[in-house]
Amino acid sequence: MISQEMAEPQDKNQENYEDLLVTIEASQGVLSLLIAVCDDSNFRDRIIARYEAELGSDIRNYRVELPRGEPSIRAAIAEVVQADEYLQNGGKAVLTVTGAEKLYFLKLGAERSEQEIFFGYLQWTREALREFPYPIVIWVTNQILINLIKKAPDFWSWRKGVFRFESKKTALITGKEIAPLRLFLDMDESPKNDDDPYFLSVEDLQQLIQKIEGERGDEDPLLATLYARIGDIYKRRLQRGEAQDYQKEQELAIEYFRKAVALQKKLGLETDLSDSLNNLAYLYESQGRYSEAEPLYLQALELRKRLLGDEHPDVAASLNNLAYLYESQGRYSEAEPLYLQALELRKRLLGDEHPDVASSLNNLANLYYYQGRYSEAEPLYLQALKLIKRLLGDEHPDVASSLNNLANLYYYQGRYSEAEPLYLQALKLIKRLLGDEHPDVATNLHNLANLYYYQGKYREAEPLLLQTLELTKRWLGDEHPNVATNLHNLANLYYYQGKYREAEPLL
């Protein structure tokens, strides 16, 4: 199945794919070095599977995995060729080389990093590859490409084409994101060019943490800072839809914030502790672990009031977060005064024209909506949407969220013709900004499906509900409350169509 990334008619990915396929077909019988660039290994694997299927039996496909430690392309290809009589006889084939994305950029205590060894082999490999008269597709990340151009210019000069495939998801952390960690890096491993958009892989980051833990022991104050900053990196990747494995990175974010909290408590780092408690609570809440999130939010609020005073934006943020948790549990009477306090405080401290004020307006409107207080919710939604667009522009995830919320209101009022275009706008925007597989996409699909369901448009609703269920399970796991909601909604759809056998197991 072709991914949505490649299905967009304006998408460069499709053009680049077609160029790659044509180049492979036209390069039979000669050495042709083709460099394919993709930061999302899952998306890359789908592209490889696609061209392998389309080339079929006429052009045989071979996978070559670069080894760790001594990543020589020539040696890895030679091993595959020597084991295959068809290749030895010069049959039509394409060799796909992967594994470069796993090579460490950091030295991590060694004389040379795995990437440096790889580039060294590449620089002196060109002539040696002449014995392989095939198109060779070498898959790299953007970070590796930047360094390949600099460190293996001879090899680079032999390329027959560079084919870029973009995806929101990535195994790489940008130089800007990694900047707070530079004090933990060796000077010669820091990025030399701040304009380089890519720097460190997630795998590098994991190894770096283990190395620092081994060097500094259990109670170094710098470790408390490191844990919090890395947890924040993972959290932002989740929010921006960049994580390749959502659940894995969510658990890593939780792990590092828990380590940060434990060490900050032990060392008495209370200011940093309030932030870590808040972030950890947010992550628990996103997993539906409300009983674990609440005491952390309360601790963070108490700490912030004591350290910063009652009149501080961080106190308003804590009030807002606690209110949102209560709202998620249906504890509306507890949530409302906290939302009102947060809104009043933000207006007083930040002024009426601030994104946090728009967020508070939106949250308060949501609360009224859930209580059926539609006449109170609508003007707040409209005010929030107008403010967000003015402050953040039309192309922002908060705009999609506001459109979706306003559509929900119209939907529950039976104003279907007003709700549908807003749902569609929100879905299109969130896909464009966060990718097709972000949890917020599942939310938007679910709401649009409900709209169609209540209009009796079952054919339109069913595929949306199935997509919602699949996405929700993938990102939040099988044991999340939202999975139960999705199963219930799909069962209802089947029930009202008389498909009782399909409905019963879901219920």
Protein backbone atom coordinates (compact mmCIF):
# COMPACT_ATOMS: atom_id res chain seq x y z
CA MET A 1 0.00 0.00 0.00
CA ILE A 2 1.41 3.42 -0.96
CA SER A 3 1.72 5.78 2.00
CA GLN A 4 -0.11 9.06 2.09
CA GLU A 5 3.23 10.84 1.95
CA MET A 6 3.70 9.51 -1.58
CA ALA A 7 0.07 9.82 -2.58
CA GLU A 8 -0.12 13.61 -2.41
CA PRO A 9 -0.27 14.89 -6.03
CA GLN A 10 1.98 17.86 -5.25
CA ASP A 11 4.45 15.77 -3.34
CA LYS A 12 8.04 15.70 -4.54
CA ASN A 13 8.38 12.22 -3.09
CA GLN A 14 6.42 10.72 -5.97
CA GLU A 15 8.52 12.50 -8.58
CA ASN A 16 11.73 11.42 -6.90
CA TYR A 17 10.48 7.85 -6.67
CA GLU A 18 9.71 7.74 -10.38
CA ASP A 19 13.14 9.23 -11.19
CA LEU A 20 14.81 6.61 -9.00
CA LEU A 21 12.91 3.76 -10.66
CA VAL A 22 13.77 4.98 -14.17
CA THR A 23 17.44 5.40 -13.23
CA ILE A 24 17.62 1.85 -11.82
CA GLU A 25 16.11 0.45 -15.03
CA ALA A 26 18.43 2.52 -17.24
CA SER A 27 21.59 1.59 -15.31
CA GLN A 28 21.68 -2.14 -15.94
CA GLY A 29 25.09 -3.53 -16.88
CA VAL A 30 27.09 -0.60 -15.48
CA LEU A 31 28.13 0.63 -12.06
CA SER A 32 25.72 3.38 -11.04
CA LEU A 33 25.93 4.93 -7.57
CA LEU A 34 22.50 6.23 -6.55
CA ILE A 35 22.14 8.05 -3.26
CA ALA A 36 18.68 7.97 -1.66
CA VAL A 37 18.04 10.23 1.31
CA CYS A 38 15.37 9.61 3.95
CA ASP A 39 15.31 10.24 7.71
CA ASP A 40 12.39 7.89 8.40
CA SER A 41 13.51 4.25 8.22
CA ASN A 42 9.91 2.97 8.15
CA PHE A 43 9.05 5.18 5.18
CA ARG A 44 12.33 4.18 3.51
CA ASP A 45 11.46 0.49 3.88
CA ARG A 46 8.09 1.09 2.21
CA ILE A 47 9.80 2.81 -0.73
CA ILE A 48 12.28 -0.06 -1.10
CA ALA A 49 9.48 -2.63 -0.98
CA ARG A 50 7.61 -0.67 -3.63
CA TYR A 51 10.41 -0.50 -6.18
CA GLU A 52 11.32 -4.14 -5.52
CA ALA A 53 7.71 -5.10 -6.33
CA GLU A 54 7.53 -2.90 -9.44
CA LEU A 55 10.87 -4.10 -10.84
CA GLY A 56 9.60 -7.64 -10.41
CA SER A 57 11.49 -10.70 -11.62
CA ASP A 58 13.05 -8.91 -14.61
CA ILE A 59 15.47 -7.04 -12.37
CA ARG A 60 16.38 -8.96 -9.24
CA ASN A 61 16.61 -7.16 -5.94
CA TYR A 62 19.31 -7.70 -3.35
CA ARG A 63 19.55 -6.18 0.14
CA VAL A 64 22.97 -5.28 1.52
CA GLU A 65 23.27 -4.37 5.22
CA LEU A 66 26.32 -2.37 6.29
CA PRO A 67 28.05 -3.99 9.28
CA ARG A 68 28.76 -2.06 12.46
CA GLY A 69 32.36 -1.46 13.42
CA GLU A 70 33.88 -1.84 9.93
CA PRO A 71 31.18 -0.43 7.60
CA SER A 72 32.73 -1.03 4.18
CA ILE A 73 30.27 -0.88 1.28
CA ARG A 74 32.70 -2.71 -1.00
CA ALA A 75 33.18 -5.61 1.45
CA ALA A 76 29.44 -5.90 2.17
CA ILE A 77 28.55 -5.98 -1.56
CA ALA A 78 31.35 -8.44 -2.35
CA GLU A 79 29.99 -10.85 0.25
CA VAL A 80 26.53 -10.78 -1.37
CA VAL A 81 27.90 -11.18 -4.93
CA GLN A 82 30.22 -14.04 -4.02
CA ALA A 83 27.29 -15.97 -2.58
CA ASP A 84 25.06 -15.57 -5.66
CA GLU A 85 25.72 -17.21 -9.07
CA TYR A 86 23.19 -14.95 -10.85
CA LEU A 87 25.12 -11.84 -9.83
CA GLN A 88 28.45 -13.41 -10.75
CA ASN A 89 27.09 -14.04 -14.25
CA GLY A 90 26.09 -10.37 -14.69
CA GLY A 91 22.31 -10.77 -14.42
CA LYS A 92 20.05 -7.74 -14.19
CA ALA A 93 19.91 -6.59 -10.59
CA VAL A 94 19.76 -3.68 -8.17
CA LEU A 95 21.65 -3.66 -4.87
CA THR A 96 20.02 -1.75 -2.02
CA VAL A 97 22.41 -0.74 0.76
CA THR A 98 21.02 0.16 4.21
CA GLY A 99 22.51 0.40 7.67
CA ALA A 100 24.33 3.74 7.32
CA GLU A 101 21.64 5.37 9.49
CA LYS A 102 22.68 3.13 12.41
CA LEU A 103 26.32 4.25 12.39
CA TYR A 104 27.30 6.44 15.32
CA PHE A 105 28.26 10.05 14.63
CA LEU A 106 29.86 10.44 18.07
CA LYS A 107 33.20 8.83 18.87
CA LEU A 108 31.92 7.76 22.30
CA GLY A 109 35.45 7.20 23.59
CA ALA A 110 36.79 5.48 20.46
CA GLU A 111 39.59 6.88 18.26
CA ARG A 112 37.18 7.34 15.34
CA SER A 113 33.39 7.23 15.11
CA GLU A 114 31.64 4.58 13.00
CA GLN A 115 30.64 7.29 10.52
CA GLU A 116 34.25 8.46 10.16
CA ILE A 117 35.29 4.89 9.37
CA PHE A 118 32.44 4.65 6.85
CA PHE A 119 33.46 7.89 5.09
CA GLY A 120 37.08 6.75 5.05
CA TYR A 121 36.13 3.55 3.24
CA LEU A 122 33.91 5.49 0.82
CA GLN A 123 36.65 7.93 -0.15
CA TRP A 124 38.89 5.08 -1.33
CA THR A 125 36.15 2.76 -2.61
CA ARG A 126 35.29 4.26 -6.00
CA GLU A 127 37.68 2.23 -8.17
CA ALA A 128 37.09 -0.95 -6.19
CA LEU A 129 33.37 -0.80 -6.95
CA ARG A 130 33.99 -1.05 -10.71
CA GLU A 131 33.80 -4.82 -10.47
CA PHE A 132 30.09 -4.56 -9.65
CA PRO A 133 28.21 -3.55 -12.84
CA TYR A 134 24.90 -2.81 -11.15
CA PRO A 135 22.88 0.17 -9.92
CA ILE A 136 23.67 0.47 -6.22
CA VAL A 137 21.12 2.42 -4.16
CA ILE A 138 22.78 3.68 -0.99
CA TRP A 139 20.29 4.90 1.62
CA VAL A 140 21.49 7.64 3.98
CA THR A 141 20.03 10.25 6.29
CA ASN A 142 20.35 14.00 5.74
CA GLN A 143 22.97 14.20 8.49
CA ILE A 144 25.09 11.51 6.80
CA LEU A 145 24.64 13.17 3.41
CA ILE A 146 26.02 16.48 4.71
CA ASN A 147 29.12 14.78 6.07
CA LEU A 148 29.50 12.48 3.05
CA ILE A 149 29.80 15.49 0.75
CA LYS A 150 32.51 16.97 2.97
CA LYS A 151 34.44 13.84 3.93
CA ALA A 152 34.18 11.61 0.85
CA PRO A 153 34.29 14.11 -2.06
CA ASP A 154 35.84 11.61 -4.50
CA PHE A 155 33.01 9.13 -3.95
CA TRP A 156 30.45 11.94 -4.09
CA SER A 157 31.74 13.03 -7.50
CA TRP A 158 30.79 9.62 -8.92
CA ARG A 159 27.13 9.79 -7.97
CA LYS A 160 24.60 9.27 -10.77
CA GLY A 161 21.76 10.83 -8.84
CA VAL A 162 20.50 11.98 -5.44
CA PHE A 163 16.87 11.16 -4.59
CA ARG A 164 15.34 12.81 -1.55
CA PHE A 165 12.28 11.49 0.28
CA GLU A 166 10.76 13.68 2.97
CA SER A 167 8.80 12.50 5.98
CA LYS A 168 7.68 14.23 9.14
CA LYS A 169 9.10 11.37 11.16
CA THR A 170 12.83 11.23 11.69
CA ALA A 171 15.51 9.35 13.60
CA LEU A 172 17.52 12.58 13.78
CA ILE A 173 17.63 15.42 16.28
CA THR A 174 18.34 18.87 14.86
CA GLY A 175 21.36 20.94 15.79
CA LYS A 176 19.03 23.45 17.46
CA GLU A 177 17.47 20.74 19.63
CA ILE A 178 20.84 19.33 20.60
CA ALA A 179 22.35 22.74 21.49
CA PRO A 180 21.50 22.47 25.23
CA LEU A 181 23.51 19.22 25.36
CA ARG A 182 26.71 20.61 23.85
CA LEU A 183 28.39 20.84 27.23
CA PHE A 184 28.18 17.03 27.36
CA LEU A 185 29.87 16.59 23.95
CA ASP A 186 33.56 16.55 23.12
CA MET A 187 34.53 19.80 21.43
CA ASP A 188 35.54 18.09 18.18
CA GLU A 189 32.17 16.34 18.06
CA SER A 190 30.13 19.54 18.25
CA PRO A 191 28.56 20.77 15.00
CA LYS A 192 30.93 23.08 13.13
CA ASN A 193 28.21 24.73 11.08
CA ASP A 194 25.12 26.02 12.87
CA ASP A 195 23.32 26.15 9.52
CA ASP A 196 23.46 22.35 9.21
CA PRO A 197 19.87 21.28 9.86
CA TYR A 198 20.72 17.80 11.18
CA PHE A 199 23.15 16.65 13.77
CA LEU A 200 22.58 13.70 16.07
CA SER A 201 20.69 10.42 15.68
CA VAL A 202 18.44 9.00 18.38
CA GLU A 203 20.80 6.01 18.64
CA ASP A 204 23.77 8.34 19.21
CA LEU A 205 21.82 10.07 21.95
CA GLN A 206 21.17 6.80 23.78
CA GLN A 207 24.84 5.84 23.66
CA LEU A 208 25.88 9.31 24.80
CA ILE A 209 23.64 9.04 27.87
CA GLN A 210 25.08 5.65 28.83
CA LYS A 211 28.62 6.98 28.41
CA ILE A 212 27.97 10.02 30.61
CA GLU A 213 26.21 7.95 33.28
CA GLY A 214 29.25 5.68 33.44
CA GLU A 215 31.63 8.62 33.74
CA ARG A 216 29.74 10.80 36.24
CA GLY A 217 28.13 8.36 38.65
CA ASP A 218 24.60 8.51 40.06
CA GLU A 219 24.42 11.92 41.79
CA ASP A 220 26.14 14.42 39.51
CA PRO A 221 24.02 17.61 39.21
CA LEU A 222 24.82 17.73 35.49
CA LEU A 223 23.04 14.39 35.09
CA ALA A 224 19.85 15.94 36.51
CA THR A 225 20.09 18.62 33.81
CA LEU A 226 20.86 16.04 31.13
CA TYR A 227 17.88 13.83 32.02
CA ALA A 228 15.46 16.77 31.96
CA ARG A 229 16.75 18.10 28.64
CA ILE A 230 16.66 14.72 26.93
CA GLY A 231 13.16 14.06 28.27
CA ASP A 232 12.13 17.40 26.81
CA ILE A 233 13.66 16.52 23.42
CA TYR A 234 11.60 13.32 23.27
CA LYS A 235 8.46 15.10 24.46
CA ARG A 236 8.73 17.74 21.72
CA ARG A 237 9.37 15.07 19.09
CA LEU A 238 6.13 13.40 20.15
CA GLN A 239 4.22 16.68 20.01
CA ARG A 240 5.57 17.55 16.56
CA GLY A 241 4.89 14.09 15.13
CA GLU A 242 8.59 13.36 14.51
CA ALA A 243 8.95 10.14 16.51
CA GLN A 244 9.33 7.03 14.35
CA ASP A 245 8.20 4.80 17.22
CA TYR A 246 5.71 6.87 19.24
CA GLN A 247 5.27 4.48 22.17
CA LYS A 248 9.00 3.81 22.51
CA GLU A 249 9.91 7.50 22.59
CA GLN A 250 7.01 8.24 24.92
CA GLU A 251 8.40 5.66 27.35
CA LEU A 252 11.91 7.10 26.96
CA ALA A 253 10.60 10.58 27.75
CA ILE A 254 8.91 9.21 30.88
CA GLU A 255 12.05 7.32 31.88
CA TYR A 256 14.28 10.40 31.70
CA PHE A 257 11.84 12.72 33.44
CA ARG A 258 11.48 10.15 36.22
CA LYS A 259 15.27 10.04 36.57
CA ALA A 260 15.36 13.84 36.55
CA VAL A 261 12.68 14.06 39.27
CA ALA A 262 14.45 11.54 41.50
CA LEU A 263 17.83 13.27 41.21
CA GLN A 264 16.44 16.81 41.49
CA LYS A 265 14.61 15.83 44.69
CA LYS A 266 17.77 14.29 46.12
CA LEU A 267 19.88 17.35 45.25
CA GLY A 268 17.24 19.93 46.23
CA LEU A 269 16.97 21.46 42.72
CA GLU A 270 13.42 22.68 43.29
CA THR A 271 13.04 25.09 40.35
CA ASP A 272 14.04 22.42 37.85
CA LEU A 273 11.99 19.87 39.79
CA SER A 274 8.73 21.78 39.25
CA ASP A 275 9.26 21.67 35.47
CA SER A 276 10.13 17.97 35.48
CA LEU A 277 7.10 17.10 37.61
CA ASN A 278 4.87 19.01 35.22
CA ASN A 279 6.34 17.32 32.15
CA LEU A 280 6.13 13.86 33.68
CA ALA A 281 2.50 14.47 34.64
CA TYR A 282 1.73 15.58 31.07
CA LEU A 283 3.16 12.33 29.69
CA TYR A 284 1.22 10.19 32.17
CA GLU A 285 -1.94 12.08 31.27
CA SER A 286 -1.33 11.45 27.54
CA GLN A 287 -1.33 7.72 28.35
CA GLY A 288 -4.57 7.98 30.32
CA ARG A 289 -2.70 7.40 33.62
CA TYR A 290 -4.69 10.12 35.40
CA SER A 291 -4.20 8.90 38.96
CA GLU A 292 -0.42 9.07 38.51
CA ALA A 293 -0.53 12.47 36.83
CA GLU A 294 -2.64 14.30 39.44
CA PRO A 295 -0.23 14.25 42.43
CA LEU A 296 2.61 15.38 40.17
CA TYR A 297 0.61 18.34 38.84
CA LEU A 298 -0.31 19.27 42.42
CA GLN A 299 3.32 19.09 43.55
CA ALA A 300 4.42 21.23 40.60
CA LEU A 301 1.73 23.84 41.36
CA GLU A 302 2.68 24.00 45.05
CA LEU A 303 6.39 24.33 44.22
CA ARG A 304 5.82 27.07 41.66
CA LYS A 305 3.65 29.09 44.02
CA ARG A 306 6.23 28.80 46.78
CA LEU A 307 9.23 29.59 44.56
CA LEU A 308 7.71 32.11 42.14
CA GLY A 309 4.76 33.56 43.99
CA ASP A 310 1.10 33.43 42.99
CA GLU A 311 1.52 36.00 40.19
CA HIS A 312 3.66 34.13 37.66
CA PRO A 313 2.95 32.66 34.16
CA ASP A 314 4.25 29.25 35.27
CA VAL A 315 1.64 29.19 38.04
CA ALA A 316 -1.03 29.93 35.43
CA ALA A 317 0.33 27.05 33.32
CA SER A 318 0.10 24.68 36.29
CA LEU A 319 -3.47 25.76 37.03
CA ASN A 320 -4.37 25.19 33.39
CA ASN A 321 -2.74 21.73 33.32
CA LEU A 322 -4.49 20.58 36.47
CA ALA A 323 -7.82 21.86 35.14
CA TYR A 324 -7.29 19.95 31.89
CA LEU A 325 -6.64 16.75 33.84
CA TYR A 326 -9.85 17.20 35.82
CA GLU A 327 -11.77 17.92 32.63
CA SER A 328 -10.43 14.69 31.07
CA GLN A 329 -11.85 12.81 34.06
CA GLY A 330 -15.22 14.56 33.86
CA ARG A 331 -14.55 16.52 37.08
CA TYR A 332 -15.96 19.69 35.58
CA SER A 333 -16.82 21.53 38.79
CA GLU A 334 -13.17 21.23 39.89
CA ALA A 335 -11.80 22.21 36.50
CA GLU A 336 -13.80 25.43 35.92
CA PRO A 337 -12.41 27.62 38.72
CA LEU A 338 -8.87 26.60 37.80
CA TYR A 339 -9.42 27.49 34.13
CA LEU A 340 -10.89 30.84 35.13
CA GLN A 341 -7.95 31.59 37.45
CA ALA A 342 -5.47 30.65 34.72
CA LEU A 343 -7.23 32.84 32.14
CA GLU A 344 -7.42 35.84 34.46
CA LEU A 345 -3.78 35.45 35.49
CA ARG A 346 -2.54 35.12 31.92
CA LYS A 347 -4.46 38.20 30.79
CA ARG A 348 -3.07 40.20 33.68
CA LEU A 349 0.54 39.04 33.27
CA LEU A 350 0.81 38.55 29.51
CA GLY A 351 -1.83 40.86 28.10
CA ASP A 352 -4.87 39.99 26.01
CA GLU A 353 -2.81 39.37 22.84
CA HIS A 354 -0.83 36.27 23.80
CA PRO A 355 -0.99 32.62 22.59
CA ASP A 356 -1.39 31.38 26.18
CA VAL A 357 -4.52 33.52 26.54
CA ALA A 358 -5.89 31.96 23.35
CA SER A 359 -5.12 28.53 24.80
CA SER A 360 -6.99 29.37 28.02
CA LEU A 361 -10.00 30.66 26.06
CA ASN A 362 -10.05 27.47 24.04
CA ASN A 363 -9.78 25.24 27.12
CA LEU A 364 -12.55 27.05 28.95
CA ALA A 365 -14.73 26.78 25.84
CA ASN A 366 -14.04 23.04 25.75
CA LEU A 367 -15.20 22.71 29.33
CA TYR A 368 -18.47 24.51 28.60
CA TYR A 369 -18.94 22.39 25.48
CA TYR A 370 -18.56 19.16 27.47
CA GLN A 371 -21.18 20.44 29.91
CA GLY A 372 -23.59 21.30 27.10
CA ARG A 373 -23.22 25.03 27.74
CA TYR A 374 -23.00 25.74 24.01
CA SER A 375 -24.04 29.39 24.07
CA GLU A 376 -21.16 30.14 26.46
CA ALA A 377 -18.66 28.02 24.53
CA GLU A 378 -19.17 29.40 21.01
CA PRO A 379 -17.98 33.01 21.55
CA LEU A 380 -14.89 31.72 23.37
CA TYR A 381 -14.07 29.32 20.54
CA LEU A 382 -14.46 32.08 17.95
CA GLN A 383 -12.36 34.48 20.01
CA ALA A 384 -9.63 31.86 20.48
CA LEU A 385 -9.55 30.96 16.78
CA LYS A 386 -9.30 34.59 15.71
CA LEU A 387 -6.53 35.27 18.23
CA ILE A 388 -4.52 32.16 17.31
CA LYS A 389 -4.64 32.99 13.61
CA ARG A 390 -3.56 36.55 14.28
CA LEU A 391 -0.69 35.57 16.58
CA LEU A 392 0.52 32.29 15.06
CA GLY A 393 -0.65 32.47 11.45
CA ASP A 394 -3.00 30.17 9.56
CA GLU A 395 -0.46 27.31 9.32
CA HIS A 396 -0.18 26.20 12.94
CA PRO A 397 -1.39 23.07 14.78
CA ASP A 398 -3.31 25.23 17.26
CA VAL A 399 -5.40 26.55 14.36
CA ALA A 400 -6.31 22.98 13.41
CA SER A 401 -7.22 22.26 17.04
CA SER A 402 -9.44 25.36 17.23
CA LEU A 403 -11.18 24.51 13.95
CA ASN A 404 -11.81 21.00 15.22
CA ASN A 405 -13.23 22.24 18.52
CA LEU A 406 -15.58 24.70 16.84
CA ALA A 407 -16.71 21.94 14.48
CA ASN A 408 -17.46 19.72 17.49
CA LEU A 409 -19.68 22.42 18.92
CA TYR A 410 -21.63 22.79 15.69
CA TYR A 411 -21.91 19.03 15.35
CA TYR A 412 -23.48 18.62 18.80
CA GLN A 413 -25.90 21.41 18.01
CA GLY A 414 -26.97 19.57 14.87
CA ARG A 415 -25.37 22.25 12.64
CA TYR A 416 -23.84 19.60 10.38
CA SER A 417 -23.40 21.76 7.28
CA GLU A 418 -21.30 24.20 9.34
CA ALA A 419 -19.32 21.47 11.10
CA GLU A 420 -18.19 19.42 8.08
CA PRO A 421 -16.03 22.03 6.28
CA LEU A 422 -14.31 22.88 9.58
CA TYR A 423 -13.55 19.22 10.27
CA LEU A 424 -12.14 18.81 6.77
CA GLN A 425 -10.00 21.97 7.10
CA ALA A 426 -8.67 20.81 10.47
CA LEU A 427 -7.85 17.32 9.18
CA LYS A 428 -6.06 18.61 6.10
CA LEU A 429 -4.06 21.11 8.15
CA ILE A 430 -3.02 18.71 10.88
CA LYS A 431 -1.88 16.12 8.31
CA ARG A 432 0.18 18.73 6.52
CA LEU A 433 1.79 20.03 9.70
CA LEU A 434 2.24 16.87 11.80
CA GLY A 435 2.08 14.06 9.26
CA ASP A 436 -0.56 11.45 8.49
CA GLU A 437 0.11 9.28 11.53
CA HIS A 438 0.09 11.73 14.44
CA PRO A 439 -2.37 11.03 17.30
CA ASP A 440 -4.13 14.33 16.58
CA VAL A 441 -4.96 12.97 13.13
CA ALA A 442 -6.78 10.09 14.83
CA THR A 443 -8.81 12.60 16.86
CA ASN A 444 -9.80 14.52 13.73
CA LEU A 445 -10.69 11.34 11.82
CA HIS A 446 -12.81 10.18 14.75
CA ASN A 447 -14.77 13.43 14.89
CA LEU A 448 -15.41 13.51 11.15
CA ALA A 449 -16.52 9.87 11.29
CA ASN A 450 -18.99 10.70 14.04
CA LEU A 451 -20.44 13.48 11.93
CA TYR A 452 -21.03 11.11 9.03
CA TYR A 453 -22.37 8.41 11.35
CA TYR A 454 -25.06 10.63 12.84
CA GLN A 455 -26.07 11.71 9.36
CA GLY A 456 -26.49 8.05 8.38
CA LYS A 457 -23.51 8.23 6.01
CA TYR A 458 -22.20 4.85 7.14
CA ARG A 459 -20.05 4.17 4.07
CA GLU A 460 -18.15 7.41 4.63
CA ALA A 461 -17.85 6.83 8.38
CA GLU A 462 -16.56 3.23 8.43
CA PRO A 463 -13.09 3.71 6.82
CA LEU A 464 -12.50 6.75 9.03
CA LEU A 465 -13.36 4.79 12.19
CA LEU A 466 -11.09 1.92 11.12
CA GLN A 467 -8.21 4.36 10.51
CA THR A 468 -8.87 5.97 13.88
CA LEU A 469 -8.76 2.64 15.70
CA GLU A 470 -5.56 1.58 13.95
CA LEU A 471 -3.79 4.87 14.67
CA THR A 472 -4.95 5.00 18.29
CA LYS A 473 -3.72 1.47 19.00
CA ARG A 474 -0.41 2.17 17.30
CA TRP A 475 0.39 5.32 19.25
CA LEU A 476 -1.38 4.88 22.58
CA GLY A 477 -1.33 1.09 22.93
CA ASP A 478 -4.17 -1.39 23.30
CA GLU A 479 -4.89 -0.45 26.92
CA HIS A 480 -5.77 3.24 26.46
CA PRO A 481 -9.29 4.58 27.16
CA ASN A 482 -9.45 6.06 23.64
CA VAL A 483 -9.18 2.54 22.20
CA ALA A 484 -12.32 1.54 24.12
CA THR A 485 -14.11 4.61 22.75
CA ASN A 486 -13.10 3.75 19.19
CA LEU A 487 -14.16 0.10 19.55
CA HIS A 488 -17.52 1.25 20.92
CA ASN A 489 -18.10 3.68 18.06
CA LEU A 490 -17.21 1.12 15.40
CA ALA A 491 -19.49 -1.43 17.05
CA ASN A 492 -22.33 1.09 17.04
CA LEU A 493 -21.82 1.68 13.34
CA TYR A 494 -22.12 -2.04 12.62
CA TYR A 495 -25.08 -2.41 14.99
CA TYR A 496 -27.13 0.26 13.23
CA GLN A 497 -26.39 -1.38 9.90
CA GLY A 498 -27.62 -4.73 11.24
CA LYS A 499 -24.09 -6.21 11.18
CA TYR A 500 -24.47 -7.83 14.58
CA ARG A 501 -21.73 -10.43 14.14
CA GLU A 502 -19.17 -7.67 13.51
CA ALA A 503 -20.50 -5.51 16.35
CA GLU A 504 -20.59 -8.08 19.18
CA PRO A 505 -16.85 -8.84 19.59
CA LEU A 506 -16.04 -5.14 19.46
CA LEU A 507 -18.52 -4.38 22.21
